[in-house]
PDB file of N, CA and C in Angstrom:
ATOM      1  N   MET A   1       0.845  -1.173   0.000  1.00  0.00           N
ATOM      2  CA  MET A   1       0.000   0.000   0.000  1.00  0.00           C
ATOM      3  C   MET A   1       0.896   1.243   0.000  1.00  0.00           C
ATOM      4  N   ASP A   2       0.562   2.216  -0.819  1.00  0.00           N
ATOM      5  CA  ASP A   2       1.404   3.397  -0.919  1.00  0.00           C
ATOM      6  C   ASP A   2       0.943   4.496   0.042  1.00  0.00           C
ATOM      7  N   LEU A   3       1.728   5.550   0.111  1.00  0.00           N
ATOM      8  CA  LEU A   3       1.468   6.647   1.024  1.00  0.00           C
ATOM      9  C   LEU A   3       0.105   7.290   0.765  1.00  0.00           C
ATOM     10  N   LYS A   4      -0.210   7.533  -0.492  1.00  0.00           N
ATOM     11  CA  LYS A   4      -1.469   8.191  -0.842  1.00  0.00           C
ATOM     12  C   LYS A   4      -2.666   7.361  -0.381  1.00  0.00           C
ATOM     13  N   GLU A   5      -2.630   6.060  -0.625  1.00  0.00           N
ATOM     14  CA  GLU A   5      -3.721   5.175  -0.223  1.00  0.00           C
ATOM     15  C   GLU A   5      -3.834   5.091   1.300  1.00  0.00           C
ATOM     16  N   THR A   6      -2.700   5.041   1.971  1.00  0.00           N
ATOM     17  CA  THR A   6      -2.704   4.987   3.433  1.00  0.00           C
ATOM     18  C   THR A   6      -3.301   6.259   4.012  1.00  0.00           C
ATOM     19  N   ARG A   7      -2.940   7.396   3.471  1.00  0.00           N
ATOM     20  CA  ARG A   7      -3.515   8.664   3.946  1.00  0.00           C
ATOM     21  C   ARG A   7      -5.012   8.740   3.665  1.00  0.00           C
ATOM     22  N   LYS A   8      -5.421   8.174   2.558  1.00  0.00           N
ATOM     23  CA  LYS A   8      -6.850   8.143   2.225  1.00  0.00           C
ATOM     24  C   LYS A   8      -7.612   7.341   3.284  1.00  0.00           C
ATOM     25  N   GLN A   9      -7.033   6.245   3.716  1.00  0.00           N
ATOM     26  CA  GLN A   9      -7.654   5.441   4.765  1.00  0.00           C
ATOM     27  C   GLN A   9      -7.708   6.207   6.081  1.00  0.00           C
ATOM     28  N   ILE A  10      -6.638   6.912   6.401  1.00  0.00           N
ATOM     29  CA  ILE A  10      -6.633   7.730   7.620  1.00  0.00           C
ATOM     30  C   ILE A  10      -7.696   8.815   7.532  1.00  0.00           C
ATOM     31  N   ASP A  11      -7.835   9.447   6.367  1.00  0.00           N
ATOM     32  CA  ASP A  11      -8.859  10.481   6.186  1.00  0.00           C
ATOM     33  C   ASP A  11     -10.254   9.924   6.430  1.00  0.00           C
ATOM     34  N   ALA A  12     -10.516   8.729   5.960  1.00  0.00           N
ATOM     35  CA  ALA A  12     -11.829   8.115   6.162  1.00  0.00           C
ATOM     36  C   ALA A  12     -12.071   7.848   7.650  1.00  0.00           C
ATOM     37  N   ILE A  13     -11.057   7.357   8.327  1.00  0.00           N
ATOM     38  CA  ILE A  13     -11.177   7.124   9.771  1.00  0.00           C
ATOM     39  C   ILE A  13     -11.390   8.449  10.498  1.00  0.00           C
ATOM     40  N   ASP A  14     -10.634   9.478  10.115  1.00  0.00           N
ATOM     41  CA  ASP A  14     -10.787  10.795  10.741  1.00  0.00           C
ATOM     42  C   ASP A  14     -12.200  11.341  10.554  1.00  0.00           C
ATOM     43  N   ASP A  15     -12.761  11.175   9.372  1.00  0.00           N
ATOM     44  CA  ASP A  15     -14.133  11.631   9.136  1.00  0.00           C
ATOM     45  C   ASP A  15     -15.103  10.947  10.100  1.00  0.00           C
ATOM     46  N   THR A  16     -14.921   9.645  10.283  1.00  0.00           N
ATOM     47  CA  THR A  16     -15.779   8.892  11.196  1.00  0.00           C
ATOM     48  C   THR A  16     -15.573   9.352  12.637  1.00  0.00           C
ATOM     49  N   LEU A  17     -14.315   9.500  13.036  1.00  0.00           N
ATOM     50  CA  LEU A  17     -14.019   9.953  14.397  1.00  0.00           C
ATOM     51  C   LEU A  17     -14.623  11.328  14.671  1.00  0.00           C
ATOM     52  N   MET A  18     -14.498  12.230  13.738  1.00  0.00           N
ATOM     53  CA  MET A  18     -15.034  13.585  13.931  1.00  0.00           C
ATOM     54  C   MET A  18     -16.544  13.566  14.078  1.00  0.00           C
ATOM     55  N   ALA A  19     -17.209  12.779  13.261  1.00  0.00           N
ATOM     56  CA  ALA A  19     -18.671  12.678  13.364  1.00  0.00           C
ATOM     57  C   ALA A  19     -19.074  12.069  14.708  1.00  0.00           C
ATOM     58  N   LEU A  20     -18.364  11.038  15.129  1.00  0.00           N
ATOM     59  CA  LEU A  20     -18.677  10.404  16.415  1.00  0.00           C
ATOM     60  C   LEU A  20     -18.374  11.334  17.584  1.00  0.00           C
ATOM     61  N   LEU A  21     -17.296  12.094  17.504  1.00  0.00           N
ATOM     62  CA  LEU A  21     -16.995  13.048  18.573  1.00  0.00           C
ATOM     63  C   LEU A  21     -18.068  14.126  18.663  1.00  0.00           C
ATOM     64  N   SER A  22     -18.552  14.584  17.541  1.00  0.00           N
ATOM     65  CA  SER A  22     -19.636  15.571  17.556  1.00  0.00           C
ATOM     66  C   SER A  22     -20.868  15.006  18.255  1.00  0.00           C
ATOM     67  N   GLN A  23     -21.191  13.751  17.961  1.00  0.00           N
ATOM     68  CA  GLN A  23     -22.328  13.105  18.628  1.00  0.00           C
ATOM     69  C   GLN A  23     -22.067  12.973  20.125  1.00  0.00           C
ATOM     70  N   ARG A  24     -20.860  12.566  20.485  1.00  0.00           N
ATOM     71  CA  ARG A  24     -20.524  12.396  21.896  1.00  0.00           C
ATOM     72  C   ARG A  24     -20.628  13.726  22.634  1.00  0.00           C
ATOM     73  N   PHE A  25     -20.152  14.799  22.024  1.00  0.00           N
ATOM     74  CA  PHE A  25     -20.184  16.091  22.687  1.00  0.00           C
ATOM     75  C   PHE A  25     -21.614  16.609  22.847  1.00  0.00           C
ATOM     76  N   GLU A  26     -22.469  16.336  21.893  1.00  0.00           N
ATOM     77  CA  GLU A  26     -23.879  16.717  22.045  1.00  0.00           C
ATOM     78  C   GLU A  26     -24.503  15.953  23.216  1.00  0.00           C
ATOM     79  N   LEU A  27     -24.174  14.671  23.320  1.00  0.00           N
ATOM     80  CA  LEU A  27     -24.677  13.888  24.458  1.00  0.00           C
ATOM     81  C   LEU A  27     -24.097  14.397  25.773  1.00  0.00           C
ATOM     82  N   SER A  28     -22.865  14.864  25.768  1.00  0.00           N
ATOM     83  CA  SER A  28     -22.271  15.443  26.973  1.00  0.00           C
ATOM     84  C   SER A  28     -23.046  16.682  27.411  1.00  0.00           C
ATOM     85  N   ARG A  29     -23.431  17.512  26.463  1.00  0.00           N
ATOM     86  CA  ARG A  29     -24.244  18.686  26.799  1.00  0.00           C
ATOM     87  C   ARG A  29     -25.575  18.251  27.424  1.00  0.00           C
ATOM     88  N   ARG A  30     -26.184  17.223  26.843  1.00  0.00           N
ATOM     89  CA  ARG A  30     -27.452  16.719  27.362  1.00  0.00           C
ATOM     90  C   ARG A  30     -27.280  16.195  28.789  1.00  0.00           C
ATOM     91  N   ILE A  31     -26.192  15.459  29.011  1.00  0.00           N
ATOM     92  CA  ILE A  31     -25.924  14.942  30.354  1.00  0.00           C
ATOM     93  C   ILE A  31     -25.755  16.096  31.342  1.00  0.00           C
ATOM     94  N   GLY A  32     -25.073  17.147  30.933  1.00  0.00           N
ATOM     95  CA  GLY A  32     -24.920  18.317  31.793  1.00  0.00           C
ATOM     96  C   GLY A  32     -26.259  18.902  32.187  1.00  0.00           C
ATOM     97  N   ARG A  33     -27.166  19.012  31.229  1.00  0.00           N
ATOM     98  CA  ARG A  33     -28.503  19.536  31.540  1.00  0.00           C
ATOM     99  C   ARG A  33     -29.245  18.605  32.496  1.00  0.00           C
ATOM    100  N   LEU A  34     -29.138  17.292  32.256  1.00  0.00           N
ATOM    101  CA  LEU A  34     -29.803  16.324  33.128  1.00  0.00           C
ATOM    102  C   LEU A  34     -29.227  16.365  34.547  1.00  0.00           C
ATOM    103  N   LYS A  35     -27.920  16.475  34.653  1.00  0.00           N
ATOM    104  CA  LYS A  35     -27.292  16.539  35.973  1.00  0.00           C
ATOM    105  C   LYS A  35     -27.720  17.802  36.710  1.00  0.00           C
ATOM    106  N   ARG A  36     -27.708  18.938  36.016  1.00  0.00           N
ATOM    107  CA  ARG A  36     -28.128  20.182  36.660  1.00  0.00           C
ATOM    108  C   ARG A  36     -29.584  20.095  37.094  1.00  0.00           C
ATOM    109  N   GLY A  37     -30.431  19.497  36.269  1.00  0.00           N
ATOM    110  CA  GLY A  37     -31.845  19.357  36.609  1.00  0.00           C
ATOM    111  C   GLY A  37     -32.093  18.426  37.781  1.00  0.00           C
ATOM    112  N   SER A  38     -31.155  17.560  38.062  1.00  0.00           N
ATOM    113  CA  SER A  38     -31.290  16.606  39.167  1.00  0.00           C
ATOM    114  C   SER A  38     -30.369  16.945  40.332  1.00  0.00           C
ATOM    115  N   ASP A  39     -29.733  18.109  40.287  1.00  0.00           N
ATOM    116  CA  ASP A  39     -28.775  18.527  41.322  1.00  0.00           C
ATOM    117  C   ASP A  39     -27.676  17.500  41.549  1.00  0.00           C
ATOM    118  N   LEU A  40     -27.196  16.901  40.474  1.00  0.00           N
ATOM    119  CA  LEU A  40     -26.080  15.956  40.555  1.00  0.00           C
ATOM    120  C   LEU A  40     -24.788  16.688  40.226  1.00  0.00           C
ATOM    121  N   PRO A  41     -23.676  16.259  40.807  1.00  0.00           N
ATOM    122  CA  PRO A  41     -22.399  16.905  40.470  1.00  0.00           C
ATOM    123  C   PRO A  41     -22.020  16.626  39.013  1.00  0.00           C
ATOM    124  N   LEU A  42     -21.383  17.600  38.391  1.00  0.00           N
ATOM    125  CA  LEU A  42     -20.985  17.425  37.000  1.00  0.00           C
ATOM    126  C   LEU A  42     -19.831  16.442  36.869  1.00  0.00           C
ATOM    127  N   TYR A  43     -18.972  16.378  37.861  1.00  0.00           N
ATOM    128  CA  TYR A  43     -17.809  15.490  37.794  1.00  0.00           C
ATOM    129  C   TYR A  43     -18.123  14.166  38.477  1.00  0.00           C
ATOM    130  N   ASP A  44     -17.844  13.085  37.783  1.00  0.00           N
ATOM    131  CA  ASP A  44     -18.052  11.729  38.313  1.00  0.00           C
ATOM    132  C   ASP A  44     -16.722  10.979  38.177  1.00  0.00           C
ATOM    133  N   ALA A  45     -15.957  10.981  39.257  1.00  0.00           N
ATOM    134  CA  ALA A  45     -14.620  10.388  39.234  1.00  0.00           C
ATOM    135  C   ALA A  45     -14.665   8.905  38.885  1.00  0.00           C
ATOM    136  N   GLN A  46     -15.655   8.195  39.391  1.00  0.00           N
ATOM    137  CA  GLN A  46     -15.745   6.757  39.109  1.00  0.00           C
ATOM    138  C   GLN A  46     -15.993   6.507  37.629  1.00  0.00           C
ATOM    139  N   ARG A  47     -16.893   7.271  37.034  1.00  0.00           N
ATOM    140  CA  ARG A  47     -17.194   7.121  35.605  1.00  0.00           C
ATOM    141  C   ARG A  47     -15.945   7.423  34.763  1.00  0.00           C
ATOM    142  N   GLU A  48     -15.245   8.495  35.114  1.00  0.00           N
ATOM    143  CA  GLU A  48     -14.046   8.854  34.363  1.00  0.00           C
ATOM    144  C   GLU A  48     -12.988   7.757  34.484  1.00  0.00           C
ATOM    145  N   SER A  49     -12.828   7.211  35.668  1.00  0.00           N
ATOM    146  CA  SER A  49     -11.861   6.136  35.882  1.00  0.00           C
ATOM    147  C   SER A  49     -12.216   4.898  35.055  1.00  0.00           C
ATOM    148  N   GLU A  50     -13.512   4.582  34.979  1.00  0.00           N
ATOM    149  CA  GLU A  50     -13.961   3.432  34.175  1.00  0.00           C
ATOM    150  C   GLU A  50     -13.629   3.633  32.701  1.00  0.00           C
ATOM    151  N   ILE A  51     -13.895   4.812  32.195  1.00  0.00           N
ATOM    152  CA  ILE A  51     -13.649   5.098  30.779  1.00  0.00           C
ATOM    153  C   ILE A  51     -12.150   5.026  30.477  1.00  0.00           C
ATOM    154  N   LEU A  52     -11.347   5.638  31.328  1.00  0.00           N
ATOM    155  CA  LEU A  52      -9.898   5.608  31.099  1.00  0.00           C
ATOM    156  C   LEU A  52      -9.345   4.199  31.251  1.00  0.00           C
ATOM    157  N   GLY A  53      -9.924   3.404  32.145  1.00  0.00           N
ATOM    158  CA  GLY A  53      -9.507   2.015  32.286  1.00  0.00           C
ATOM    159  C   GLY A  53      -9.794   1.212  31.028  1.00  0.00           C
ATOM    160  N   LYS A  54     -10.984   1.427  30.454  1.00  0.00           N
ATOM    161  CA  LYS A  54     -11.311   0.751  29.197  1.00  0.00           C
ATOM    162  C   LYS A  54     -10.361   1.180  28.089  1.00  0.00           C
ATOM    163  N   ALA A  55     -10.027   2.465  28.057  1.00  0.00           N
ATOM    164  CA  ALA A  55      -9.119   2.976  27.026  1.00  0.00           C
ATOM    165  C   ALA A  55      -7.740   2.335  27.161  1.00  0.00           C
ATOM    166  N   ARG A  56      -7.276   2.178  28.385  1.00  0.00           N
ATOM    167  CA  ARG A  56      -5.950   1.590  28.600  1.00  0.00           C
ATOM    168  C   ARG A  56      -5.907   0.107  28.246  1.00  0.00           C
ATOM    169  N   ALA A  57      -7.064  -0.539  28.199  1.00  0.00           N
ATOM    170  CA  ALA A  57      -7.124  -1.982  27.954  1.00  0.00           C
ATOM    171  C   ALA A  57      -7.050  -2.361  26.478  1.00  0.00           C
ATOM    172  N   VAL A  58      -7.143  -1.396  25.591  1.00  0.00           N
ATOM    173  CA  VAL A  58      -7.105  -1.697  24.158  1.00  0.00           C
ATOM    174  C   VAL A  58      -5.661  -1.622  23.655  1.00  0.00           C
ATOM    175  N   PRO A  59      -5.391  -2.132  22.460  1.00  0.00           N
ATOM    176  CA  PRO A  59      -4.044  -1.966  21.900  1.00  0.00           C
ATOM    177  C   PRO A  59      -3.677  -0.474  21.859  1.00  0.00           C
ATOM    178  N   ASP A  60      -2.424  -0.178  22.129  1.00  0.00           N
ATOM    179  CA  ASP A  60      -1.953   1.214  22.223  1.00  0.00           C
ATOM    180  C   ASP A  60      -2.698   1.974  23.312  1.00  0.00           C
ATOM    181  N   GLY A  61      -3.006   1.272  24.390  1.00  0.00           N
ATOM    182  CA  GLY A  61      -3.857   1.792  25.451  1.00  0.00           C
ATOM    183  C   GLY A  61      -3.432   3.113  26.054  1.00  0.00           C
ATOM    184  N   GLU A  62      -2.150   3.305  26.296  1.00  0.00           N
ATOM    185  CA  GLU A  62      -1.735   4.578  26.900  1.00  0.00           C
ATOM    186  C   GLU A  62      -1.981   5.744  25.949  1.00  0.00           C
ATOM    187  N   ALA A  63      -1.758   5.530  24.663  1.00  0.00           N
ATOM    188  CA  ALA A  63      -2.032   6.580  23.676  1.00  0.00           C
ATOM    189  C   ALA A  63      -3.532   6.851  23.602  1.00  0.00           C
ATOM    190  N   VAL A  64      -4.326   5.794  23.608  1.00  0.00           N
ATOM    191  CA  VAL A  64      -5.788   5.946  23.563  1.00  0.00           C
ATOM    192  C   VAL A  64      -6.270   6.659  24.820  1.00  0.00           C
ATOM    193  N   ALA A  65      -5.734   6.284  25.980  1.00  0.00           N
ATOM    194  CA  ALA A  65      -6.126   6.930  27.236  1.00  0.00           C
ATOM    195  C   ALA A  65      -5.768   8.411  27.225  1.00  0.00           C
ATOM    196  N   SER A  66      -4.634   8.751  26.630  1.00  0.00           N
ATOM    197  CA  SER A  66      -4.235  10.156  26.529  1.00  0.00           C
ATOM    198  C   SER A  66      -5.250  10.951  25.711  1.00  0.00           C
ATOM    199  N   VAL A  67      -5.684  10.385  24.599  1.00  0.00           N
ATOM    200  CA  VAL A  67      -6.702  11.040  23.769  1.00  0.00           C
ATOM    201  C   VAL A  67      -8.008  11.154  24.549  1.00  0.00           C
ATOM    202  N   TYR A  68      -8.374  10.084  25.245  1.00  0.00           N
ATOM    203  CA  TYR A  68      -9.620  10.104  26.012  1.00  0.00           C
ATOM    204  C   TYR A  68      -9.580  11.105  27.153  1.00  0.00           C
ATOM    205  N   ALA A  69      -8.424  11.322  27.741  1.00  0.00           N
ATOM    206  CA  ALA A  69      -8.319  12.334  28.787  1.00  0.00           C
ATOM    207  C   ALA A  69      -8.710  13.703  28.226  1.00  0.00           C
ATOM    208  N   CYS A  70      -8.274  14.002  27.008  1.00  0.00           N
ATOM    209  CA  CYS A  70      -8.664  15.261  26.357  1.00  0.00           C
ATOM    210  C   CYS A  70     -10.161  15.286  26.055  1.00  0.00           C
ATOM    211  N   ILE A  71     -10.681  14.174  25.576  1.00  0.00           N
ATOM    212  CA  ILE A  71     -12.118  14.081  25.278  1.00  0.00           C
ATOM    213  C   ILE A  71     -12.922  14.314  26.546  1.00  0.00           C
ATOM    214  N   LEU A  72     -12.506  13.703  27.643  1.00  0.00           N
ATOM    215  CA  LEU A  72     -13.235  13.851  28.903  1.00  0.00           C
ATOM    216  C   LEU A  72     -13.174  15.283  29.423  1.00  0.00           C
ATOM    217  N   GLU A  73     -12.026  15.941  29.281  1.00  0.00           N
ATOM    218  CA  GLU A  73     -11.929  17.344  29.705  1.00  0.00           C
ATOM    219  C   GLU A  73     -12.873  18.220  28.886  1.00  0.00           C
ATOM    220  N   THR A  74     -12.899  17.999  27.594  1.00  0.00           N
ATOM    221  CA  THR A  74     -13.795  18.765  26.730  1.00  0.00           C
ATOM    222  C   THR A  74     -15.248  18.470  27.086  1.00  0.00           C
ATOM    223  N   SER A  75     -15.555  17.221  27.345  1.00  0.00           N
ATOM    224  CA  SER A  75     -16.926  16.835  27.720  1.00  0.00           C
ATOM    225  C   SER A  75     -17.352  17.538  29.007  1.00  0.00           C
ATOM    226  N   LYS A  76     -16.451  17.602  29.984  1.00  0.00           N
ATOM    227  CA  LYS A  76     -16.783  18.294  31.233  1.00  0.00           C
ATOM    228  C   LYS A  76     -17.025  19.781  30.992  1.00  0.00           C
ATOM    229  N   ASP A  77     -16.205  20.386  30.138  1.00  0.00           N
ATOM    230  CA  ASP A  77     -16.413  21.789  29.785  1.00  0.00           C
ATOM    231  C   ASP A  77     -17.785  21.993  29.151  1.00  0.00           C
ATOM    232  N   LEU A  78     -18.165  21.096  28.268  1.00  0.00           N
ATOM    233  CA  LEU A  78     -19.465  21.206  27.598  1.00  0.00           C
ATOM    234  C   LEU A  78     -20.615  20.988  28.572  1.00  0.00           C
ATOM    235  N   GLN A  79     -20.421  20.123  29.549  1.00  0.00           N
ATOM    236  CA  GLN A  79     -21.478  19.911  30.555  1.00  0.00           C
ATOM    237  C   GLN A  79     -21.710  21.170  31.383  1.00  0.00           C
ATOM    238  N   ARG A  80     -20.689  21.981  31.530  1.00  0.00           N
ATOM    239  CA  ARG A  80     -20.811  23.222  32.320  1.00  0.00           C
ATOM    240  C   ARG A  80     -21.531  24.336  31.576  1.00  0.00           C
ATOM    241  N   GLU A  81     -21.677  24.185  30.258  1.00  0.00           N
ATOM    242  CA  GLU A  81     -22.311  25.260  29.457  1.00  0.00           C
ATOM    243  C   GLU A  81     -23.731  25.498  29.894  1.00  0.00           C
TER     244      GLU A  81
END
């Protein structure tokens, strides 16, 4: 497989990731509204630990967990909106 074809595959994956992240962030906003409506804290340490644990369990887990740490920070910011 050549460089051009490999980049094309990465572009397709990136398109999917971006669409899924947009969906995830919209759900994060919804969760923020639900938490505020129920007087629940926005931060859930146990939930975050579970997600990061799952991320670490996949191939390239530390790299995936690093990306997820950024996703979780952004999600928390969106919940505060």
